[in-house]
C-alpha cells in the first residue's frame, strides 16, 4: 500500500529483456536504504526489488505489467516517480494507493496558469470512473480530479508537485499510468453486477 506522495525520482540506468519480462535497473539517493524483496511504487507500478549492487537496484516487470502500463515506453535516463510502501502508524497524506495500475491515459493538454498547471487526460472507455473532487493516481502521484468526463479528466498541479515529480517531464501525447480510486472501483463493480 502506498499514499501517492512521491519520495524521490529514480533514474533508469539499464533495461534488459529477459524472455517476456523486463529487468530494469535504477539509481537514486536512497538506494542504500533499500533491500531485496521490498515493494516500491515506480510511476504508480508496484515492483519488487530483486537485486542491489552498490547504488543500483533492479526490479523485474512481467508481461502483464508491460502490457497494461507505460513501462513499455520507458528509456534509459528517464526519471521515474519513486515511493516506498507506507508504514502502519504513518500519516496518510495522499490517499490509499495499491500500486496496481488499472490502465493508461494519454495527456491531451497542458495549461500553465500563473504558477500552477492543469493537465488533461483521456483514457480508453472502461468500467473505471472519475468523479469531481475524487482521488486519482497518475504515475503514482495522489491527485484530486478537477474536471471529470466520461473517459477524460483533468488535474491541477501545484508547483511543489510539479518540481518534485516527473510531471515536469510530461508532454502532450505522453502515456501515463492511472490507478482509479479504490472505493470508486468497488462501487462501479457493484452497479455493473446489478444491471
N, C-alpha and C. Protein backbone atom coordinates (compact mmCIF):
# COMPACT_ATOMS: atom_id res chain seq x y z
N UNK A 1 0.83 -1.19 0.00
CA UNK A 1 0.00 0.00 0.00
C UNK A 1 0.88 1.25 0.00
N UNK A 2 0.45 2.25 -0.74
CA UNK A 2 1.19 3.49 -0.87
C UNK A 2 0.25 4.66 -0.59
N UNK A 3 0.81 5.86 -0.53
CA UNK A 3 -0.01 7.04 -0.26
C UNK A 3 -0.11 7.96 -1.47
N UNK A 4 0.74 7.75 -2.47
CA UNK A 4 0.75 8.63 -3.63
C UNK A 4 1.55 9.90 -3.41
N UNK A 5 2.32 9.95 -2.33
CA UNK A 5 3.21 11.08 -2.07
C UNK A 5 4.62 10.64 -2.46
N UNK A 6 5.15 11.23 -3.51
CA UNK A 6 6.41 10.79 -4.10
C UNK A 6 7.59 11.20 -3.22
N UNK A 7 8.49 10.23 -2.96
CA UNK A 7 9.67 10.49 -2.14
C UNK A 7 10.84 11.03 -2.95
N UNK A 8 11.09 10.41 -4.08
CA UNK A 8 12.28 10.69 -4.88
C UNK A 8 11.95 10.48 -6.35
N UNK A 9 12.90 10.86 -7.20
CA UNK A 9 12.90 10.46 -8.60
C UNK A 9 14.02 9.45 -8.77
N UNK A 10 13.72 8.33 -9.40
CA UNK A 10 14.75 7.32 -9.69
C UNK A 10 15.09 7.41 -11.17
N UNK A 11 16.38 7.34 -11.48
CA UNK A 11 16.82 7.38 -12.88
C UNK A 11 17.03 5.97 -13.40
N UNK A 12 16.47 5.68 -14.58
CA UNK A 12 16.67 4.37 -15.21
C UNK A 12 18.09 4.30 -15.74
N UNK A 13 18.82 3.27 -15.29
CA UNK A 13 20.21 3.08 -15.69
C UNK A 13 20.37 1.98 -16.74
N UNK A 14 19.48 0.99 -16.71
CA UNK A 14 19.60 -0.13 -17.66
C UNK A 14 18.24 -0.80 -17.81
N UNK A 15 17.95 -1.24 -19.03
CA UNK A 15 16.74 -2.03 -19.31
C UNK A 15 17.18 -3.23 -20.12
N UNK A 16 16.86 -4.43 -19.61
CA UNK A 16 17.23 -5.66 -20.32
C UNK A 16 15.99 -6.52 -20.51
N UNK A 17 15.86 -7.10 -21.70
CA UNK A 17 14.78 -8.04 -21.97
C UNK A 17 15.21 -9.40 -21.46
N UNK A 18 14.36 -10.06 -20.68
CA UNK A 18 14.64 -11.41 -20.18
C UNK A 18 13.42 -12.27 -20.47
N UNK A 19 13.42 -12.96 -21.58
CA UNK A 19 12.23 -13.69 -22.02
C UNK A 19 11.16 -12.68 -22.35
N UNK A 20 9.99 -12.81 -21.72
CA UNK A 20 8.91 -11.83 -21.92
C UNK A 20 8.93 -10.73 -20.87
N UNK A 21 9.89 -10.80 -19.96
CA UNK A 21 9.99 -9.83 -18.87
C UNK A 21 11.00 -8.73 -19.20
N UNK A 22 10.94 -7.65 -18.40
CA UNK A 22 11.95 -6.60 -18.47
C UNK A 22 12.65 -6.52 -17.12
N UNK A 23 13.96 -6.47 -17.14
CA UNK A 23 14.76 -6.23 -15.95
C UNK A 23 15.20 -4.77 -16.04
N UNK A 24 14.81 -3.97 -15.05
CA UNK A 24 15.08 -2.53 -15.09
C UNK A 24 15.90 -2.14 -13.87
N UNK A 25 17.01 -1.46 -14.11
CA UNK A 25 17.88 -1.02 -13.02
C UNK A 25 17.79 0.49 -12.85
N UNK A 26 17.76 0.93 -11.59
CA UNK A 26 17.56 2.32 -11.22
C UNK A 26 18.63 2.78 -10.25
N UNK A 27 18.73 4.11 -10.14
CA UNK A 27 19.60 4.72 -9.14
C UNK A 27 18.88 5.93 -8.57
N UNK A 28 18.96 6.07 -7.24
CA UNK A 28 18.52 7.30 -6.59
C UNK A 28 19.33 7.50 -5.33
N UNK A 29 19.10 8.59 -4.63
CA UNK A 29 19.96 8.95 -3.49
C UNK A 29 19.72 8.11 -2.24
N UNK A 30 18.70 7.27 -2.23
CA UNK A 30 18.46 6.44 -1.03
C UNK A 30 18.53 4.94 -1.33
N UNK A 31 19.20 4.59 -2.42
CA UNK A 31 19.35 3.17 -2.76
C UNK A 31 19.94 2.39 -1.59
N UNK A 32 20.86 3.00 -0.83
CA UNK A 32 21.49 2.31 0.31
C UNK A 32 20.49 1.97 1.42
N UNK A 33 19.29 2.56 1.42
CA UNK A 33 18.27 2.25 2.42
C UNK A 33 17.33 1.13 1.98
N UNK A 34 17.46 0.70 0.74
CA UNK A 34 16.54 -0.30 0.19
C UNK A 34 17.03 -1.70 0.48
N UNK A 35 16.12 -2.68 0.31
CA UNK A 35 16.51 -4.08 0.49
C UNK A 35 15.81 -4.95 -0.54
N UNK A 36 16.43 -6.07 -0.83
CA UNK A 36 15.84 -7.04 -1.76
C UNK A 36 14.51 -7.51 -1.19
N UNK A 37 13.52 -7.69 -2.06
CA UNK A 37 12.16 -8.14 -1.73
C UNK A 37 11.24 -7.00 -1.32
N UNK A 38 11.74 -5.78 -1.32
CA UNK A 38 10.94 -4.62 -0.95
C UNK A 38 10.07 -4.20 -2.14
N UNK A 39 8.81 -3.84 -1.86
CA UNK A 39 7.90 -3.36 -2.90
C UNK A 39 7.99 -1.85 -2.99
N UNK A 40 8.22 -1.35 -4.20
CA UNK A 40 8.37 0.08 -4.44
C UNK A 40 7.42 0.49 -5.56
N UNK A 41 6.80 1.65 -5.41
CA UNK A 41 5.98 2.21 -6.48
C UNK A 41 6.87 2.99 -7.44
N UNK A 42 6.83 2.60 -8.71
CA UNK A 42 7.57 3.27 -9.78
C UNK A 42 6.55 3.80 -10.78
N UNK A 43 6.34 5.11 -10.80
CA UNK A 43 5.29 5.70 -11.64
C UNK A 43 3.95 5.00 -11.40
N UNK A 44 3.72 4.62 -10.14
CA UNK A 44 2.46 4.01 -9.77
C UNK A 44 2.41 2.51 -9.93
N UNK A 45 3.48 1.89 -10.41
CA UNK A 45 3.53 0.44 -10.61
C UNK A 45 4.28 -0.17 -9.43
N UNK A 46 3.64 -1.08 -8.72
CA UNK A 46 4.29 -1.76 -7.60
C UNK A 46 5.24 -2.82 -8.17
N UNK A 47 6.55 -2.62 -7.95
CA UNK A 47 7.57 -3.54 -8.44
C UNK A 47 8.48 -3.95 -7.29
N UNK A 48 8.91 -5.19 -7.31
CA UNK A 48 9.72 -5.74 -6.23
C UNK A 48 11.20 -5.68 -6.57
N UNK A 49 12.01 -5.24 -5.61
CA UNK A 49 13.46 -5.20 -5.80
C UNK A 49 13.99 -6.63 -5.78
N UNK A 50 14.74 -6.99 -6.84
CA UNK A 50 15.29 -8.34 -6.93
C UNK A 50 16.80 -8.37 -6.77
N UNK A 51 17.45 -7.19 -6.87
CA UNK A 51 18.90 -7.16 -6.75
C UNK A 51 19.34 -5.74 -6.40
N UNK A 52 20.41 -5.64 -5.62
CA UNK A 52 21.04 -4.35 -5.30
C UNK A 52 22.55 -4.54 -5.40
N UNK A 53 23.19 -3.72 -6.23
CA UNK A 53 24.64 -3.74 -6.35
C UNK A 53 25.12 -2.30 -6.21
N UNK A 54 25.83 -2.03 -5.10
CA UNK A 54 26.29 -0.69 -4.76
C UNK A 54 25.11 0.28 -4.75
N UNK A 55 25.07 1.27 -5.64
CA UNK A 55 23.98 2.25 -5.59
C UNK A 55 22.94 2.03 -6.70
N UNK A 56 22.89 0.81 -7.25
CA UNK A 56 21.93 0.46 -8.31
C UNK A 56 21.04 -0.66 -7.80
N UNK A 57 19.72 -0.49 -7.95
CA UNK A 57 18.80 -1.57 -7.60
C UNK A 57 18.02 -1.98 -8.84
N UNK A 58 17.58 -3.23 -8.87
CA UNK A 58 16.93 -3.79 -10.05
C UNK A 58 15.58 -4.39 -9.69
N UNK A 59 14.61 -4.20 -10.60
CA UNK A 59 13.28 -4.78 -10.47
C UNK A 59 12.97 -5.57 -11.75
N UNK A 60 11.95 -6.42 -11.67
CA UNK A 60 11.51 -7.18 -12.84
C UNK A 60 10.06 -6.84 -13.12
N UNK A 61 9.75 -6.57 -14.38
CA UNK A 61 8.36 -6.34 -14.81
C UNK A 61 7.96 -7.51 -15.70
N UNK A 62 6.84 -8.16 -15.33
CA UNK A 62 6.37 -9.30 -16.11
C UNK A 62 5.50 -8.83 -17.27
N UNK A 63 5.16 -9.75 -18.16
CA UNK A 63 4.40 -9.44 -19.38
C UNK A 63 3.12 -8.67 -19.08
N UNK A 64 2.36 -9.10 -18.07
CA UNK A 64 1.09 -8.45 -17.70
C UNK A 64 1.31 -6.97 -17.39
N UNK A 65 2.35 -6.68 -16.63
CA UNK A 65 2.68 -5.29 -16.28
C UNK A 65 3.08 -4.49 -17.52
N UNK A 66 3.86 -5.11 -18.38
CA UNK A 66 4.33 -4.43 -19.60
C UNK A 66 3.14 -4.08 -20.49
N UNK A 67 2.18 -5.00 -20.61
CA UNK A 67 1.02 -4.78 -21.48
C UNK A 67 0.09 -3.69 -20.95
N UNK A 68 -0.07 -3.59 -19.61
CA UNK A 68 -1.09 -2.71 -19.03
C UNK A 68 -0.58 -1.33 -18.61
N UNK A 69 0.73 -1.10 -18.69
CA UNK A 69 1.27 0.16 -18.17
C UNK A 69 2.13 0.86 -19.22
N UNK A 70 2.65 2.00 -18.84
CA UNK A 70 3.53 2.77 -19.74
C UNK A 70 4.97 2.27 -19.70
N UNK A 71 5.24 1.23 -18.94
CA UNK A 71 6.61 0.74 -18.77
C UNK A 71 7.26 0.39 -20.11
N UNK A 72 6.44 -0.01 -21.07
CA UNK A 72 6.96 -0.37 -22.39
C UNK A 72 7.61 0.81 -23.11
N UNK A 73 7.30 2.03 -22.67
CA UNK A 73 7.86 3.24 -23.29
C UNK A 73 9.05 3.81 -22.53
N UNK A 74 9.40 3.21 -21.39
CA UNK A 74 10.50 3.75 -20.59
C UNK A 74 11.83 3.59 -21.32
N UNK A 75 12.71 4.56 -21.09
CA UNK A 75 14.03 4.54 -21.72
C UNK A 75 15.11 4.87 -20.68
N UNK A 76 16.32 4.45 -20.97
CA UNK A 76 17.45 4.76 -20.09
C UNK A 76 17.55 6.29 -19.96
N UNK A 77 17.71 6.75 -18.72
CA UNK A 77 17.79 8.18 -18.44
C UNK A 77 16.48 8.78 -17.98
N UNK A 78 15.33 8.09 -18.22
CA UNK A 78 14.04 8.61 -17.73
C UNK A 78 14.05 8.72 -16.22
N UNK A 79 13.39 9.75 -15.71
CA UNK A 79 13.20 9.91 -14.27
C UNK A 79 11.81 9.40 -13.91
N UNK A 80 11.78 8.48 -12.95
CA UNK A 80 10.56 7.78 -12.58
C UNK A 80 10.19 8.13 -11.14
N UNK A 81 8.89 8.41 -10.90
CA UNK A 81 8.41 8.70 -9.54
C UNK A 81 8.59 7.47 -8.65
N UNK A 82 9.15 7.68 -7.46
CA UNK A 82 9.54 6.60 -6.55
C UNK A 82 8.87 6.82 -5.19
N UNK A 83 8.22 5.76 -4.68
CA UNK A 83 7.66 5.81 -3.32
C UNK A 83 7.76 4.43 -2.68
N UNK A 84 8.31 4.39 -1.47
CA UNK A 84 8.31 3.14 -0.71
C UNK A 84 6.93 2.92 -0.10
N UNK A 85 6.62 1.67 0.23
CA UNK A 85 5.34 1.34 0.85
C UNK A 85 5.18 2.09 2.17
N UNK A 86 3.93 2.44 2.48
CA UNK A 86 3.69 3.18 3.72
C UNK A 86 3.87 2.26 4.92
N UNK A 87 4.22 2.87 6.05
CA UNK A 87 4.35 2.15 7.31
C UNK A 87 3.05 2.30 8.09
N UNK A 88 2.66 1.26 8.79
CA UNK A 88 1.49 1.39 9.67
C UNK A 88 1.81 2.41 10.75
N UNK A 89 0.89 3.29 11.01
CA UNK A 89 1.10 4.34 12.01
C UNK A 89 1.53 5.66 11.42
N UNK A 90 1.91 5.67 10.12
CA UNK A 90 2.26 6.93 9.47
C UNK A 90 1.00 7.70 9.09
N UNK A 91 1.17 9.00 8.88
CA UNK A 91 0.07 9.80 8.35
C UNK A 91 -0.19 9.40 6.91
N UNK A 92 -1.44 9.41 6.51
CA UNK A 92 -1.83 9.12 5.13
C UNK A 92 -2.06 10.45 4.43
N UNK A 93 -0.99 11.04 3.90
CA UNK A 93 -1.07 12.39 3.34
C UNK A 93 -1.75 12.43 1.98
N UNK A 94 -1.70 11.34 1.23
CA UNK A 94 -2.36 11.29 -0.08
C UNK A 94 -3.69 10.56 0.06
N UNK A 95 -3.80 9.40 -0.60
CA UNK A 95 -4.94 8.52 -0.41
C UNK A 95 -4.43 7.08 -0.53
N UNK A 96 -5.27 6.10 -0.25
CA UNK A 96 -4.81 4.71 -0.29
C UNK A 96 -4.60 4.28 -1.74
N UNK A 97 -3.35 3.94 -2.05
CA UNK A 97 -2.94 3.56 -3.40
C UNK A 97 -2.37 2.15 -3.33
N UNK A 98 -2.83 1.27 -4.21
CA UNK A 98 -2.36 -0.11 -4.19
C UNK A 98 -1.09 -0.34 -5.00
N UNK A 99 -0.84 0.51 -5.98
CA UNK A 99 0.29 0.26 -6.87
C UNK A 99 -0.08 -0.71 -7.98
N UNK A 100 -1.39 -0.92 -8.18
CA UNK A 100 -1.90 -1.80 -9.23
C UNK A 100 -2.53 -0.91 -10.30
N UNK A 101 -1.81 -0.67 -11.36
CA UNK A 101 -2.26 0.23 -12.42
C UNK A 101 -3.48 -0.37 -13.11
N UNK A 102 -4.56 0.43 -13.25
CA UNK A 102 -5.78 -0.04 -13.91
C UNK A 102 -5.68 0.06 -15.42
N UNK A 103 -5.13 1.15 -15.90
CA UNK A 103 -4.95 1.34 -17.34
C UNK A 103 -4.08 2.58 -17.54
N UNK A 104 -3.82 2.88 -18.80
CA UNK A 104 -3.04 4.07 -19.11
C UNK A 104 -3.96 5.16 -19.65
N UNK A 105 -3.46 6.37 -19.66
CA UNK A 105 -4.17 7.51 -20.22
C UNK A 105 -3.17 8.33 -21.03
N UNK A 106 -3.69 9.14 -21.93
CA UNK A 106 -2.85 10.00 -22.76
C UNK A 106 -3.04 11.44 -22.33
N UNK A 107 -1.94 12.16 -22.20
CA UNK A 107 -2.01 13.59 -21.89
C UNK A 107 -2.49 14.33 -23.14
N UNK A 108 -3.61 15.04 -23.02
CA UNK A 108 -4.21 15.74 -24.16
C UNK A 108 -3.91 17.23 -24.17
N UNK A 109 -3.66 17.80 -23.00
CA UNK A 109 -3.39 19.25 -22.95
C UNK A 109 -2.70 19.60 -21.64
N UNK A 110 -1.86 20.62 -21.70
CA UNK A 110 -1.20 21.16 -20.51
C UNK A 110 -1.35 22.67 -20.56
N UNK A 111 -1.86 23.24 -19.48
CA UNK A 111 -2.07 24.68 -19.42
C UNK A 111 -1.38 25.24 -18.19
N UNK A 112 -0.43 26.14 -18.39
CA UNK A 112 0.21 26.80 -17.25
C UNK A 112 -0.66 27.97 -16.85
N UNK A 113 -0.93 28.06 -15.55
CA UNK A 113 -1.89 29.05 -15.04
C UNK A 113 -1.26 29.85 -13.91
N UNK A 114 -0.33 30.75 -14.22
CA UNK A 114 0.28 31.64 -13.23
C UNK A 114 0.79 30.89 -12.00
N UNK A 115 1.64 29.91 -12.22
CA UNK A 115 2.26 29.22 -11.09
C UNK A 115 1.70 27.85 -10.80
N UNK A 116 0.63 27.45 -11.45
CA UNK A 116 0.15 26.07 -11.34
C UNK A 116 -0.10 25.56 -12.75
N UNK A 117 -0.38 24.29 -12.87
CA UNK A 117 -0.55 23.67 -14.17
C UNK A 117 -1.81 22.81 -14.17
N UNK A 118 -2.53 22.84 -15.29
CA UNK A 118 -3.67 21.95 -15.49
C UNK A 118 -3.30 20.94 -16.57
N UNK A 119 -3.47 19.66 -16.24
CA UNK A 119 -3.19 18.58 -17.18
C UNK A 119 -4.51 17.89 -17.51
N UNK A 120 -4.80 17.73 -18.80
CA UNK A 120 -5.99 17.00 -19.25
C UNK A 120 -5.56 15.63 -19.75
N UNK A 121 -6.30 14.59 -19.34
CA UNK A 121 -6.00 13.22 -19.73
C UNK A 121 -7.24 12.55 -20.31
N UNK A 122 -7.00 11.61 -21.21
CA UNK A 122 -8.07 10.83 -21.81
C UNK A 122 -7.67 9.36 -21.77
N UNK A 123 -8.63 8.49 -21.45
CA UNK A 123 -8.35 7.06 -21.38
C UNK A 123 -9.40 6.29 -22.16
N UNK A 124 -9.04 5.06 -22.57
CA UNK A 124 -9.99 4.23 -23.29
C UNK A 124 -11.18 3.93 -22.38
N UNK A 125 -12.37 4.03 -22.96
CA UNK A 125 -13.59 3.82 -22.19
C UNK A 125 -13.54 2.45 -21.52
N UNK A 126 -13.91 2.42 -20.25
CA UNK A 126 -13.88 1.19 -19.46
C UNK A 126 -14.89 1.34 -18.32
N UNK A 127 -14.89 0.38 -17.42
CA UNK A 127 -15.76 0.47 -16.24
C UNK A 127 -15.22 1.45 -15.21
N UNK A 128 -13.99 1.90 -15.39
CA UNK A 128 -13.37 2.83 -14.45
C UNK A 128 -14.00 4.22 -14.59
N UNK A 129 -14.15 4.89 -13.45
CA UNK A 129 -14.78 6.21 -13.44
C UNK A 129 -13.98 7.19 -12.60
N UNK A 130 -14.17 8.46 -12.91
CA UNK A 130 -13.64 9.52 -12.04
C UNK A 130 -14.82 10.36 -11.60
N UNK A 131 -14.66 11.03 -10.48
CA UNK A 131 -15.69 11.97 -10.03
C UNK A 131 -15.00 13.27 -9.63
N UNK A 132 -15.73 14.36 -9.80
CA UNK A 132 -15.23 15.68 -9.41
C UNK A 132 -14.81 15.67 -7.95
N UNK A 133 -13.60 16.14 -7.68
CA UNK A 133 -13.01 16.19 -6.34
C UNK A 133 -12.70 14.81 -5.76
N UNK A 134 -12.77 13.77 -6.59
CA UNK A 134 -12.38 12.43 -6.17
C UNK A 134 -10.88 12.25 -6.33
N UNK A 135 -10.37 11.15 -5.82
CA UNK A 135 -8.93 10.86 -5.90
C UNK A 135 -8.61 10.08 -7.17
N UNK A 136 -7.41 10.32 -7.68
CA UNK A 136 -6.87 9.59 -8.83
C UNK A 136 -5.36 9.52 -8.63
N UNK A 137 -4.75 8.45 -9.14
CA UNK A 137 -3.29 8.34 -9.07
C UNK A 137 -2.75 8.36 -10.49
N UNK A 138 -1.85 9.29 -10.77
CA UNK A 138 -1.21 9.40 -12.08
C UNK A 138 0.29 9.21 -11.87
N UNK A 139 0.85 8.18 -12.53
CA UNK A 139 2.28 7.86 -12.36
C UNK A 139 2.66 7.78 -10.88
N UNK A 140 1.73 7.27 -10.07
CA UNK A 140 1.99 7.09 -8.64
C UNK A 140 1.74 8.30 -7.78
N UNK A 141 1.32 9.43 -8.38
CA UNK A 141 1.08 10.67 -7.63
C UNK A 141 -0.39 10.76 -7.25
N UNK A 142 -0.67 10.92 -5.96
CA UNK A 142 -2.04 11.10 -5.48
C UNK A 142 -2.52 12.50 -5.82
N UNK A 143 -3.64 12.57 -6.58
CA UNK A 143 -4.16 13.85 -7.03
C UNK A 143 -5.67 13.90 -6.90
N UNK A 144 -6.22 15.11 -7.04
CA UNK A 144 -7.66 15.32 -6.99
C UNK A 144 -8.15 15.66 -8.38
N UNK A 145 -9.25 15.01 -8.78
CA UNK A 145 -9.85 15.26 -10.10
C UNK A 145 -10.49 16.64 -10.09
N UNK A 146 -10.17 17.46 -11.11
CA UNK A 146 -10.74 18.80 -11.23
C UNK A 146 -11.96 18.76 -12.14
N UNK A 147 -11.82 18.21 -13.33
CA UNK A 147 -12.93 18.06 -14.27
C UNK A 147 -13.05 16.59 -14.60
N UNK A 148 -14.27 16.07 -14.57
CA UNK A 148 -14.49 14.65 -14.81
C UNK A 148 -15.41 14.48 -16.01
N UNK A 149 -14.94 13.74 -17.01
CA UNK A 149 -15.76 13.41 -18.17
C UNK A 149 -15.97 11.91 -18.23
N UNK A 150 -16.63 11.46 -19.30
CA UNK A 150 -16.94 10.04 -19.44
C UNK A 150 -15.68 9.19 -19.51
N UNK A 151 -14.69 9.61 -20.27
CA UNK A 151 -13.42 8.90 -20.32
C UNK A 151 -12.26 9.90 -20.34
N UNK A 152 -12.46 10.99 -19.60
CA UNK A 152 -11.42 12.01 -19.50
C UNK A 152 -11.52 12.71 -18.16
N UNK A 153 -10.44 13.37 -17.79
CA UNK A 153 -10.43 14.13 -16.53
C UNK A 153 -9.26 15.10 -16.57
N UNK A 154 -9.27 16.04 -15.66
CA UNK A 154 -8.17 16.99 -15.51
C UNK A 154 -7.72 17.00 -14.06
N UNK A 155 -6.47 17.40 -13.87
CA UNK A 155 -5.93 17.59 -12.52
C UNK A 155 -5.18 18.91 -12.50
N UNK A 156 -5.12 19.53 -11.33
CA UNK A 156 -4.35 20.76 -11.14
C UNK A 156 -3.10 20.40 -10.35
N UNK A 157 -1.96 20.87 -10.81
CA UNK A 157 -0.68 20.54 -10.20
C UNK A 157 -0.08 21.79 -9.57
N UNK A 158 0.22 21.70 -8.27
CA UNK A 158 0.85 22.83 -7.58
C UNK A 158 2.36 22.82 -7.88
N UNK A 159 3.04 23.94 -7.68
CA UNK A 159 4.47 24.00 -8.00
C UNK A 159 5.31 22.93 -7.29
N UNK A 160 5.03 22.63 -6.03
CA UNK A 160 5.82 21.62 -5.32
C UNK A 160 5.74 20.27 -6.04
N UNK A 161 4.52 19.84 -6.37
CA UNK A 161 4.34 18.56 -7.05
C UNK A 161 5.01 18.59 -8.42
N UNK A 162 4.84 19.69 -9.13
CA UNK A 162 5.44 19.83 -10.46
C UNK A 162 6.97 19.69 -10.39
N UNK A 163 7.57 20.31 -9.39
CA UNK A 163 9.03 20.32 -9.28
C UNK A 163 9.63 19.06 -8.66
N UNK A 164 8.84 18.29 -7.90
CA UNK A 164 9.38 17.14 -7.18
C UNK A 164 8.90 15.80 -7.73
N UNK A 165 8.21 15.81 -8.87
CA UNK A 165 7.79 14.57 -9.53
C UNK A 165 8.16 14.69 -11.00
N UNK A 166 7.83 13.65 -11.77
CA UNK A 166 8.15 13.75 -13.20
C UNK A 166 7.03 14.41 -14.00
N UNK A 167 6.10 15.11 -13.33
CA UNK A 167 5.10 15.88 -14.07
C UNK A 167 5.76 16.93 -14.95
N UNK A 168 6.89 17.46 -14.52
CA UNK A 168 7.58 18.49 -15.30
C UNK A 168 8.09 17.95 -16.63
N UNK A 169 8.16 16.61 -16.76
CA UNK A 169 8.64 15.99 -17.99
C UNK A 169 7.52 15.48 -18.88
N UNK A 170 6.27 15.51 -18.40
CA UNK A 170 5.15 15.01 -19.20
C UNK A 170 4.85 16.01 -20.32
N UNK A 171 4.66 15.47 -21.51
CA UNK A 171 4.32 16.28 -22.67
C UNK A 171 3.00 15.79 -23.27
N UNK A 172 2.36 16.63 -24.06
CA UNK A 172 1.13 16.24 -24.74
C UNK A 172 1.43 15.02 -25.60
N UNK A 173 0.57 14.01 -25.48
CA UNK A 173 0.74 12.75 -26.21
C UNK A 173 1.40 11.66 -25.40
N UNK A 174 1.98 12.01 -24.24
CA UNK A 174 2.64 11.00 -23.40
C UNK A 174 1.61 10.08 -22.74
N UNK A 175 2.02 8.83 -22.55
CA UNK A 175 1.22 7.82 -21.88
C UNK A 175 1.57 7.83 -20.40
N UNK A 176 0.56 7.84 -19.53
CA UNK A 176 0.79 7.80 -18.09
C UNK A 176 0.02 6.63 -17.49
N UNK A 177 0.45 6.19 -16.30
CA UNK A 177 -0.21 5.11 -15.58
C UNK A 177 -1.31 5.67 -14.69
N UNK A 178 -2.47 5.04 -14.72
CA UNK A 178 -3.61 5.50 -13.93
C UNK A 178 -4.06 4.40 -12.99
N UNK A 179 -4.21 4.76 -11.72
CA UNK A 179 -4.90 3.90 -10.75
C UNK A 179 -6.10 4.68 -10.25
N UNK A 180 -7.28 4.17 -10.55
CA UNK A 180 -8.51 4.84 -10.13
C UNK A 180 -8.75 4.62 -8.65
N UNK A 181 -9.58 5.46 -8.06
CA UNK A 181 -9.88 5.39 -6.63
C UNK A 181 -10.47 4.03 -6.28
N UNK A 182 -9.93 3.40 -5.24
CA UNK A 182 -10.32 2.06 -4.84
C UNK A 182 -11.82 1.96 -4.54
N UNK A 183 -12.36 2.93 -3.82
CA UNK A 183 -13.78 2.90 -3.45
C UNK A 183 -14.64 3.04 -4.71
N UNK A 184 -14.23 3.94 -5.61
CA UNK A 184 -14.96 4.12 -6.87
C UNK A 184 -14.99 2.84 -7.69
N UNK A 185 -13.90 2.08 -7.68
CA UNK A 185 -13.85 0.82 -8.44
C UNK A 185 -14.85 -0.18 -7.87
N UNK A 186 -14.93 -0.25 -6.53
CA UNK A 186 -15.88 -1.18 -5.92
C UNK A 186 -17.33 -0.79 -6.23
N UNK A 187 -17.63 0.49 -6.13
CA UNK A 187 -18.99 0.97 -6.42
C UNK A 187 -19.35 0.69 -7.86
N UNK A 188 -18.44 0.97 -8.78
CA UNK A 188 -18.68 0.72 -10.20
C UNK A 188 -18.95 -0.77 -10.45
N UNK A 189 -18.20 -1.64 -9.80
CA UNK A 189 -18.39 -3.08 -9.98
C UNK A 189 -19.74 -3.53 -9.42
N UNK A 190 -20.16 -2.97 -8.29
CA UNK A 190 -21.46 -3.31 -7.70
C UNK A 190 -22.59 -2.91 -8.65
N UNK A 191 -22.52 -1.68 -9.17
CA UNK A 191 -23.57 -1.22 -10.09
C UNK A 191 -23.61 -2.06 -11.36
N UNK A 192 -22.44 -2.44 -11.85
CA UNK A 192 -22.39 -3.25 -13.07
C UNK A 192 -23.01 -4.62 -12.84
N UNK A 193 -22.75 -5.22 -11.68
CA UNK A 193 -23.28 -6.57 -11.39
C UNK A 193 -24.80 -6.54 -11.17
N UNK A 194 -25.33 -5.38 -10.78
CA UNK A 194 -26.77 -5.27 -10.53
C UNK A 194 -27.57 -4.93 -11.78
N UNK A 195 -26.88 -4.49 -12.85
CA UNK A 195 -27.63 -4.13 -14.06
C UNK A 195 -27.67 -5.24 -15.07
